[in-house]
PDB file of all heavy atoms in Angstrom:
ATOM      1  N   TYR A   1     -84.544 -14.366 -48.304  1.00  0.00           N
ATOM      2  CA  TYR A   1     -85.957 -14.599 -48.115  1.00  0.00           C
ATOM      3  C   TYR A   1     -86.745 -13.373 -48.575  1.00  0.00           C
ATOM      4  O   TYR A   1     -86.184 -12.331 -48.866  1.00  0.00           O
ATOM      5  CB  TYR A   1     -86.276 -14.981 -46.653  1.00  0.00           C
ATOM      6  CG  TYR A   1     -86.066 -13.891 -45.658  1.00  0.00           C
ATOM      7  CD1 TYR A   1     -87.139 -13.144 -45.213  1.00  0.00           C
ATOM      8  CD2 TYR A   1     -84.798 -13.554 -45.218  1.00  0.00           C
ATOM      9  CE1 TYR A   1     -86.955 -12.104 -44.271  1.00  0.00           C
ATOM     10  CE2 TYR A   1     -84.606 -12.543 -44.284  1.00  0.00           C
ATOM     11  CZ  TYR A   1     -85.695 -11.823 -43.820  1.00  0.00           C
ATOM     12  OH  TYR A   1     -85.508 -10.804 -42.906  1.00  0.00           O
ATOM     13  N   THR A   2     -88.088 -13.561 -48.583  1.00  0.00           N
ATOM     14  CA  THR A   2     -88.958 -12.470 -49.003  1.00  0.00           C
ATOM     15  C   THR A   2     -89.135 -11.514 -47.818  1.00  0.00           C
ATOM     16  O   THR A   2     -90.045 -11.689 -46.988  1.00  0.00           O
ATOM     17  CB  THR A   2     -90.266 -12.971 -49.515  1.00  0.00           C
ATOM     18  OG1 THR A   2     -90.078 -13.929 -50.562  1.00  0.00           O
ATOM     19  CG2 THR A   2     -91.124 -11.819 -50.041  1.00  0.00           C
ATOM     20  N   PHE A   3     -88.265 -10.530 -47.727  1.00  0.00           N
ATOM     21  CA  PHE A   3     -88.190  -9.666 -46.550  1.00  0.00           C
ATOM     22  C   PHE A   3     -89.526  -9.018 -46.245  1.00  0.00           C
ATOM     23  O   PHE A   3     -89.919  -8.977 -45.080  1.00  0.00           O
ATOM     24  CB  PHE A   3     -87.143  -8.561 -46.839  1.00  0.00           C
ATOM     25  CG  PHE A   3     -86.976  -7.574 -45.746  1.00  0.00           C
ATOM     26  CD1 PHE A   3     -86.218  -7.874 -44.614  1.00  0.00           C
ATOM     27  CD2 PHE A   3     -87.600  -6.346 -45.811  1.00  0.00           C
ATOM     28  CE1 PHE A   3     -86.037  -6.941 -43.609  1.00  0.00           C
ATOM     29  CE2 PHE A   3     -87.470  -5.432 -44.812  1.00  0.00           C
ATOM     30  CZ  PHE A   3     -86.685  -5.695 -43.715  1.00  0.00           C
ATOM     31  N   SER A   4     -90.233  -8.561 -47.245  1.00  0.00           N
ATOM     32  CA  SER A   4     -91.464  -7.778 -46.988  1.00  0.00           C
ATOM     33  C   SER A   4     -92.566  -8.600 -46.356  1.00  0.00           C
ATOM     34  O   SER A   4     -93.485  -8.044 -45.720  1.00  0.00           O
ATOM     35  CB  SER A   4     -91.962  -7.172 -48.310  1.00  0.00           C
ATOM     36  OG  SER A   4     -92.294  -8.188 -49.240  1.00  0.00           O
ATOM     37  N   SER A   5     -92.533  -9.930 -46.441  1.00  0.00           N
ATOM     38  CA  SER A   5     -93.581 -10.771 -45.907  1.00  0.00           C
ATOM     39  C   SER A   5     -93.249 -11.291 -44.512  1.00  0.00           C
ATOM     40  O   SER A   5     -94.089 -11.984 -43.930  1.00  0.00           O
ATOM     41  CB  SER A   5     -93.814 -11.945 -46.829  1.00  0.00           C
ATOM     42  OG  SER A   5     -92.708 -12.821 -46.861  1.00  0.00           O
ATOM     43  N   TYR A   6     -92.115 -10.914 -43.943  1.00  0.00           N
ATOM     44  CA  TYR A   6     -91.705 -11.420 -42.626  1.00  0.00           C
ATOM     45  C   TYR A   6     -91.892 -10.371 -41.525  1.00  0.00           C
ATOM     46  O   TYR A   6     -91.774  -9.174 -41.752  1.00  0.00           O
ATOM     47  CB  TYR A   6     -90.222 -11.788 -42.676  1.00  0.00           C
ATOM     48  CG  TYR A   6     -89.939 -13.183 -43.145  1.00  0.00           C
ATOM     49  CD1 TYR A   6     -90.295 -13.588 -44.408  1.00  0.00           C
ATOM     50  CD2 TYR A   6     -89.303 -14.112 -42.308  1.00  0.00           C
ATOM     51  CE1 TYR A   6     -90.067 -14.883 -44.845  1.00  0.00           C
ATOM     52  CE2 TYR A   6     -89.047 -15.379 -42.739  1.00  0.00           C
ATOM     53  CZ  TYR A   6     -89.392 -15.749 -44.020  1.00  0.00           C
ATOM     54  OH  TYR A   6     -89.138 -17.042 -44.470  1.00  0.00           O
ATOM     55  N   CYS A   7     -92.143 -10.887 -40.323  1.00  0.00           N
ATOM     56  CA  CYS A   7     -92.037 -10.040 -39.138  1.00  0.00           C
ATOM     57  C   CYS A   7     -90.568  -9.914 -38.775  1.00  0.00           C
ATOM     58  O   CYS A   7     -89.799 -10.857 -38.877  1.00  0.00           O
ATOM     59  CB  CYS A   7     -92.814 -10.697 -37.985  1.00  0.00           C
ATOM     60  SG  CYS A   7     -94.591 -10.809 -38.231  1.00  0.00           S
ATOM     61  N   MET A   8     -90.207  -8.733 -38.294  1.00  0.00           N
ATOM     62  CA  MET A   8     -88.841  -8.462 -37.920  1.00  0.00           C
ATOM     63  C   MET A   8     -88.811  -7.848 -36.525  1.00  0.00           C
ATOM     64  O   MET A   8     -89.682  -7.127 -36.140  1.00  0.00           O
ATOM     65  CB  MET A   8     -88.198  -7.442 -38.895  1.00  0.00           C
ATOM     66  CG  MET A   8     -88.193  -7.884 -40.344  1.00  0.00           C
ATOM     67  SD  MET A   8     -87.102  -9.286 -40.701  1.00  0.00           S
ATOM     68  CE  MET A   8     -85.504  -8.588 -40.268  1.00  0.00           C
ATOM     69  N   GLY A   9     -87.754  -8.183 -35.779  1.00  0.00           N
ATOM     70  CA  GLY A   9     -87.655  -7.711 -34.438  1.00  0.00           C
ATOM     71  C   GLY A   9     -86.244  -7.384 -34.020  1.00  0.00           C
ATOM     72  O   GLY A   9     -85.267  -7.872 -34.625  1.00  0.00           O
ATOM     73  N   TRP A  10     -86.146  -6.554 -33.020  1.00  0.00           N
ATOM     74  CA  TRP A  10     -84.866  -6.251 -32.358  1.00  0.00           C
ATOM     75  C   TRP A  10     -84.925  -6.767 -30.920  1.00  0.00           C
ATOM     76  O   TRP A  10     -85.894  -6.489 -30.226  1.00  0.00           O
ATOM     77  CB  TRP A  10     -84.564  -4.754 -32.347  1.00  0.00           C
ATOM     78  CG  TRP A  10     -84.150  -4.193 -33.697  1.00  0.00           C
ATOM     79  CD1 TRP A  10     -84.933  -3.486 -34.539  1.00  0.00           C
ATOM     80  CD2 TRP A  10     -82.860  -4.268 -34.290  1.00  0.00           C
ATOM     81  NE1 TRP A  10     -84.211  -3.120 -35.644  1.00  0.00           N
ATOM     82  CE2 TRP A  10     -82.942  -3.602 -35.491  1.00  0.00           C
ATOM     83  CE3 TRP A  10     -81.640  -4.850 -33.877  1.00  0.00           C
ATOM     84  CZ2 TRP A  10     -81.833  -3.480 -36.358  1.00  0.00           C
ATOM     85  CZ3 TRP A  10     -80.582  -4.739 -34.733  1.00  0.00           C
ATOM     86  CH2 TRP A  10     -80.662  -4.047 -35.944  1.00  0.00           C
ATOM     87  N   PHE A  11     -83.912  -7.474 -30.549  1.00  0.00           N
ATOM     88  CA  PHE A  11     -83.763  -8.000 -29.184  1.00  0.00           C
ATOM     89  C   PHE A  11     -82.407  -7.565 -28.635  1.00  0.00           C
ATOM     90  O   PHE A  11     -81.487  -7.253 -29.371  1.00  0.00           O
ATOM     91  CB  PHE A  11     -83.889  -9.514 -29.204  1.00  0.00           C
ATOM     92  CG  PHE A  11     -85.235 -10.008 -29.639  1.00  0.00           C
ATOM     93  CD1 PHE A  11     -85.556 -10.055 -30.949  1.00  0.00           C
ATOM     94  CD2 PHE A  11     -86.179 -10.414 -28.692  1.00  0.00           C
ATOM     95  CE1 PHE A  11     -86.812 -10.492 -31.406  1.00  0.00           C
ATOM     96  CE2 PHE A  11     -87.431 -10.865 -29.092  1.00  0.00           C
ATOM     97  CZ  PHE A  11     -87.744 -10.903 -30.457  1.00  0.00           C
ATOM     98  N   ARG A  12     -82.304  -7.603 -27.300  1.00  0.00           N
ATOM     99  CA  ARG A  12     -81.047  -7.276 -26.683  1.00  0.00           C
ATOM    100  C   ARG A  12     -80.797  -8.151 -25.475  1.00  0.00           C
ATOM    101  O   ARG A  12     -81.732  -8.682 -24.852  1.00  0.00           O
ATOM    102  CB  ARG A  12     -81.014  -5.802 -26.258  1.00  0.00           C
ATOM    103  CG  ARG A  12     -82.002  -5.417 -25.137  1.00  0.00           C
ATOM    104  CD  ARG A  12     -81.993  -3.928 -24.948  1.00  0.00           C
ATOM    105  NE  ARG A  12     -82.873  -3.498 -23.875  1.00  0.00           N
ATOM    106  CZ  ARG A  12     -83.125  -2.250 -23.572  1.00  0.00           C
ATOM    107  NH1 ARG A  12     -82.583  -1.271 -24.259  1.00  0.00           N
ATOM    108  NH2 ARG A  12     -83.963  -1.958 -22.581  1.00  0.00           N
ATOM    109  N   GLN A  13     -79.522  -8.325 -25.176  1.00  0.00           N
ATOM    110  CA  GLN A  13     -79.145  -9.107 -24.036  1.00  0.00           C
ATOM    111  C   GLN A  13     -77.914  -8.482 -23.358  1.00  0.00           C
ATOM    112  O   GLN A  13     -76.890  -8.311 -24.000  1.00  0.00           O
ATOM    113  CB  GLN A  13     -78.815 -10.559 -24.428  1.00  0.00           C
ATOM    114  CG  GLN A  13     -78.593 -11.474 -23.247  1.00  0.00           C
ATOM    115  CD  GLN A  13     -78.598 -12.926 -23.612  1.00  0.00           C
ATOM    116  OE1 GLN A  13     -78.355 -13.284 -24.730  1.00  0.00           O
ATOM    117  NE2 GLN A  13     -78.901 -13.802 -22.652  1.00  0.00           N
ATOM    118  N   ALA A  14     -78.080  -8.132 -22.085  1.00  0.00           N
ATOM    119  CA  ALA A  14     -77.000  -7.598 -21.283  1.00  0.00           C
ATOM    120  C   ALA A  14     -76.389  -8.733 -20.465  1.00  0.00           C
ATOM    121  O   ALA A  14     -77.046  -9.748 -20.198  1.00  0.00           O
ATOM    122  CB  ALA A  14     -77.506  -6.482 -20.367  1.00  0.00           C
ATOM    123  N   PRO A  15     -75.141  -8.576 -20.050  1.00  0.00           N
ATOM    124  CA  PRO A  15     -74.512  -9.609 -19.250  1.00  0.00           C
ATOM    125  C   PRO A  15     -75.276  -9.955 -18.009  1.00  0.00           C
ATOM    126  O   PRO A  15     -75.727  -9.051 -17.284  1.00  0.00           O
ATOM    127  CB  PRO A  15     -73.144  -8.962 -18.877  1.00  0.00           C
ATOM    128  CG  PRO A  15     -72.858  -8.011 -20.016  1.00  0.00           C
ATOM    129  CD  PRO A  15     -74.204  -7.486 -20.353  1.00  0.00           C
ATOM    130  N   GLY A  16     -75.509 -11.240 -17.767  1.00  0.00           N
ATOM    131  CA  GLY A  16     -76.254 -11.689 -16.617  1.00  0.00           C
ATOM    132  C   GLY A  16     -77.747 -11.567 -16.726  1.00  0.00           C
ATOM    133  O   GLY A  16     -78.455 -11.882 -15.732  1.00  0.00           O
ATOM    134  N   LYS A  17     -78.257 -11.123 -17.845  1.00  0.00           N
ATOM    135  CA  LYS A  17     -79.715 -10.958 -17.961  1.00  0.00           C
ATOM    136  C   LYS A  17     -80.216 -11.775 -19.143  1.00  0.00           C
ATOM    137  O   LYS A  17     -79.487 -12.168 -20.049  1.00  0.00           O
ATOM    138  CB  LYS A  17     -80.064  -9.490 -18.176  1.00  0.00           C
ATOM    139  CG  LYS A  17     -79.748  -8.598 -16.996  1.00  0.00           C
ATOM    140  CD  LYS A  17     -80.257  -7.207 -17.220  1.00  0.00           C
ATOM    141  CE  LYS A  17     -79.982  -6.330 -16.026  1.00  0.00           C
ATOM    142  NZ  LYS A  17     -80.515  -4.931 -16.220  1.00  0.00           N
ATOM    143  N   GLU A  18     -81.521 -12.068 -19.130  1.00  0.00           N
ATOM    144  CA  GLU A  18     -82.153 -12.775 -20.217  1.00  0.00           C
ATOM    145  C   GLU A  18     -82.333 -11.895 -21.420  1.00  0.00           C
ATOM    146  O   GLU A  18     -82.332 -10.665 -21.317  1.00  0.00           O
ATOM    147  CB  GLU A  18     -83.517 -13.358 -19.754  1.00  0.00           C
ATOM    148  CG  GLU A  18     -83.437 -14.336 -18.658  1.00  0.00           C
ATOM    149  CD  GLU A  18     -84.781 -14.930 -18.304  1.00  0.00           C
ATOM    150  OE1 GLU A  18     -85.817 -14.446 -18.831  1.00  0.00           O
ATOM    151  OE2 GLU A  18     -84.853 -15.875 -17.547  1.00  0.00           O
ATOM    152  N   ARG A  19     -82.442 -12.530 -22.585  1.00  0.00           N
ATOM    153  CA  ARG A  19     -82.739 -11.795 -23.811  1.00  0.00           C
ATOM    154  C   ARG A  19     -84.085 -11.103 -23.693  1.00  0.00           C
ATOM    155  O   ARG A  19     -85.059 -11.677 -23.201  1.00  0.00           O
ATOM    156  CB  ARG A  19     -82.728 -12.734 -24.980  1.00  0.00           C
ATOM    157  CG  ARG A  19     -82.934 -12.096 -26.336  1.00  0.00           C
ATOM    158  CD  ARG A  19     -82.837 -13.096 -27.440  1.00  0.00           C
ATOM    159  NE  ARG A  19     -81.511 -13.702 -27.482  1.00  0.00           N
ATOM    160  CZ  ARG A  19     -81.172 -14.757 -28.253  1.00  0.00           C
ATOM    161  NH1 ARG A  19     -82.103 -15.305 -29.031  1.00  0.00           N
ATOM    162  NH2 ARG A  19     -79.963 -15.216 -28.242  1.00  0.00           N
ATOM    163  N   GLU A  20     -84.130  -9.847 -24.131  1.00  0.00           N
ATOM    164  CA  GLU A  20     -85.294  -8.996 -24.024  1.00  0.00           C
ATOM    165  C   GLU A  20     -85.739  -8.512 -25.365  1.00  0.00           C
ATOM    166  O   GLU A  20     -84.930  -8.022 -26.147  1.00  0.00           O
ATOM    167  CB  GLU A  20     -84.967  -7.819 -23.096  1.00  0.00           C
ATOM    168  CG  GLU A  20     -86.069  -6.788 -22.986  1.00  0.00           C
ATOM    169  CD  GLU A  20     -85.653  -5.549 -22.293  1.00  0.00           C
ATOM    170  OE1 GLU A  20     -84.419  -5.261 -22.208  1.00  0.00           O
ATOM    171  OE2 GLU A  20     -86.530  -4.779 -21.759  1.00  0.00           O
ATOM    172  N   GLY A  21     -87.016  -8.659 -25.637  1.00  0.00           N
ATOM    173  CA  GLY A  21     -87.599  -8.074 -26.855  1.00  0.00           C
ATOM    174  C   GLY A  21     -87.616  -6.554 -26.760  1.00  0.00           C
ATOM    175  O   GLY A  21     -88.143  -6.038 -25.740  1.00  0.00           O
ATOM    176  N   VAL A  22     -87.117  -5.872 -27.725  1.00  0.00           N
ATOM    177  CA  VAL A  22     -87.039  -4.398 -27.710  1.00  0.00           C
ATOM    178  C   VAL A  22     -88.153  -3.785 -28.591  1.00  0.00           C
ATOM    179  O   VAL A  22     -88.869  -2.910 -28.165  1.00  0.00           O
ATOM    180  CB  VAL A  22     -85.649  -3.918 -28.180  1.00  0.00           C
ATOM    181  CG1 VAL A  22     -85.630  -2.394 -28.271  1.00  0.00           C
ATOM    182  CG2 VAL A  22     -84.576  -4.437 -27.222  1.00  0.00           C
ATOM    183  N   ALA A  23     -88.228  -4.217 -29.803  1.00  0.00           N
ATOM    184  CA  ALA A  23     -89.164  -3.674 -30.748  1.00  0.00           C
ATOM    185  C   ALA A  23     -89.381  -4.674 -31.884  1.00  0.00           C
ATOM    186  O   ALA A  23     -88.509  -5.470 -32.207  1.00  0.00           O
ATOM    187  CB  ALA A  23     -88.680  -2.336 -31.325  1.00  0.00           C
ATOM    188  N   ALA A  24     -90.544  -4.603 -32.513  1.00  0.00           N
ATOM    189  CA  ALA A  24     -90.879  -5.477 -33.615  1.00  0.00           C
ATOM    190  C   ALA A  24     -91.778  -4.761 -34.593  1.00  0.00           C
ATOM    191  O   ALA A  24     -92.489  -3.824 -34.245  1.00  0.00           O
ATOM    192  CB  ALA A  24     -91.488  -6.781 -33.146  1.00  0.00           C
ATOM    193  N   ILE A  25     -91.753  -5.268 -35.823  1.00  0.00           N
ATOM    194  CA  ILE A  25     -92.612  -4.714 -36.842  1.00  0.00           C
ATOM    195  C   ILE A  25     -93.072  -5.850 -37.754  1.00  0.00           C
ATOM    196  O   ILE A  25     -92.257  -6.698 -38.166  1.00  0.00           O
ATOM    197  CB  ILE A  25     -91.844  -3.623 -37.664  1.00  0.00           C
ATOM    198  CG1 ILE A  25     -92.778  -2.967 -38.694  1.00  0.00           C
ATOM    199  CG2 ILE A  25     -90.575  -4.197 -38.282  1.00  0.00           C
ATOM    200  CD1 ILE A  25     -92.167  -1.691 -39.300  1.00  0.00           C
ATOM    201  N   ASP A  26     -94.344  -5.904 -38.061  1.00  0.00           N
ATOM    202  CA  ASP A  26     -94.879  -6.986 -38.860  1.00  0.00           C
ATOM    203  C   ASP A  26     -94.907  -6.614 -40.325  1.00  0.00           C
ATOM    204  O   ASP A  26     -94.431  -5.541 -40.725  1.00  0.00           O
ATOM    205  CB  ASP A  26     -96.246  -7.487 -38.329  1.00  0.00           C
ATOM    206  CG  ASP A  26     -97.379  -6.481 -38.629  1.00  0.00           C
ATOM    207  OD1 ASP A  26     -97.195  -5.488 -39.337  1.00  0.00           O
ATOM    208  OD2 ASP A  26     -98.452  -6.751 -38.124  1.00  0.00           O
ATOM    209  N   SER A  27     -95.418  -7.512 -41.169  1.00  0.00           N
ATOM    210  CA  SER A  27     -95.383  -7.338 -42.577  1.00  0.00           C
ATOM    211  C   SER A  27     -96.257  -6.179 -43.050  1.00  0.00           C
ATOM    212  O   SER A  27     -96.069  -5.692 -44.180  1.00  0.00           O
ATOM    213  CB  SER A  27     -95.765  -8.620 -43.288  1.00  0.00           C
ATOM    214  OG  SER A  27     -97.063  -9.044 -42.892  1.00  0.00           O
ATOM    215  N   ASP A  28     -97.179  -5.736 -42.202  1.00  0.00           N
ATOM    216  CA  ASP A  28     -98.046  -4.610 -42.524  1.00  0.00           C
ATOM    217  C   ASP A  28     -97.529  -3.292 -41.947  1.00  0.00           C
ATOM    218  O   ASP A  28     -98.139  -2.263 -42.133  1.00  0.00           O
ATOM    219  CB  ASP A  28     -99.438  -4.849 -41.984  1.00  0.00           C
ATOM    220  CG  ASP A  28    -100.146  -5.995 -42.690  1.00  0.00           C
ATOM    221  OD1 ASP A  28    -100.007  -6.109 -43.940  1.00  0.00           O
ATOM    222  OD2 ASP A  28    -100.840  -6.759 -42.014  1.00  0.00           O
ATOM    223  N   GLY A  29     -96.389  -3.337 -41.265  1.00  0.00           N
ATOM    224  CA  GLY A  29     -95.830  -2.143 -40.698  1.00  0.00           C
ATOM    225  C   GLY A  29     -96.287  -1.854 -39.291  1.00  0.00           C
ATOM    226  O   GLY A  29     -95.986  -0.766 -38.748  1.00  0.00           O
ATOM    227  N   VAL A  30     -97.085  -2.719 -38.667  1.00  0.00           N
ATOM    228  CA  VAL A  30     -97.532  -2.501 -37.308  1.00  0.00           C
ATOM    229  C   VAL A  30     -96.354  -2.769 -36.346  1.00  0.00           C
ATOM    230  O   VAL A  30     -95.696  -3.780 -36.457  1.00  0.00           O
ATOM    231  CB  VAL A  30     -98.696  -3.434 -36.964  1.00  0.00           C
ATOM    232  CG1 VAL A  30     -99.161  -3.259 -35.505  1.00  0.00           C
ATOM    233  CG2 VAL A  30     -99.872  -3.178 -37.895  1.00  0.00           C
ATOM    234  N   THR A  31     -96.175  -1.861 -35.428  1.00  0.00           N
ATOM    235  CA  THR A  31     -95.023  -1.939 -34.519  1.00  0.00           C
ATOM    236  C   THR A  31     -95.407  -2.257 -33.104  1.00  0.00           C
ATOM    237  O   THR A  31     -96.544  -2.003 -32.671  1.00  0.00           O
ATOM    238  CB  THR A  31     -94.227  -0.623 -34.535  1.00  0.00           C
ATOM    239  OG1 THR A  31     -95.061   0.463 -34.148  1.00  0.00           O
ATOM    240  CG2 THR A  31     -93.667  -0.327 -35.948  1.00  0.00           C
ATOM    241  N   SER A  32     -94.431  -2.765 -32.344  1.00  0.00           N
ATOM    242  CA  SER A  32     -94.634  -3.031 -30.909  1.00  0.00           C
ATOM    243  C   SER A  32     -93.303  -2.707 -30.230  1.00  0.00           C
ATOM    244  O   SER A  32     -92.245  -2.983 -30.759  1.00  0.00           O
ATOM    245  CB  SER A  32     -95.000  -4.509 -30.720  1.00  0.00           C
ATOM    246  OG  SER A  32     -95.251  -4.752 -29.361  1.00  0.00           O
TER     247      SER A  32
END
C-alpha cells in the first residue's frame, strides 16, 4: 500500500489485559 498516506500505530497486549494503544503517527507526521 501507499505507506506515506496511511496512519500508523503501535499497540500492545499483555496477558489478561485488553489491547492498548501505545503510539500513533498520521500521514503528516503528527504523533500521539
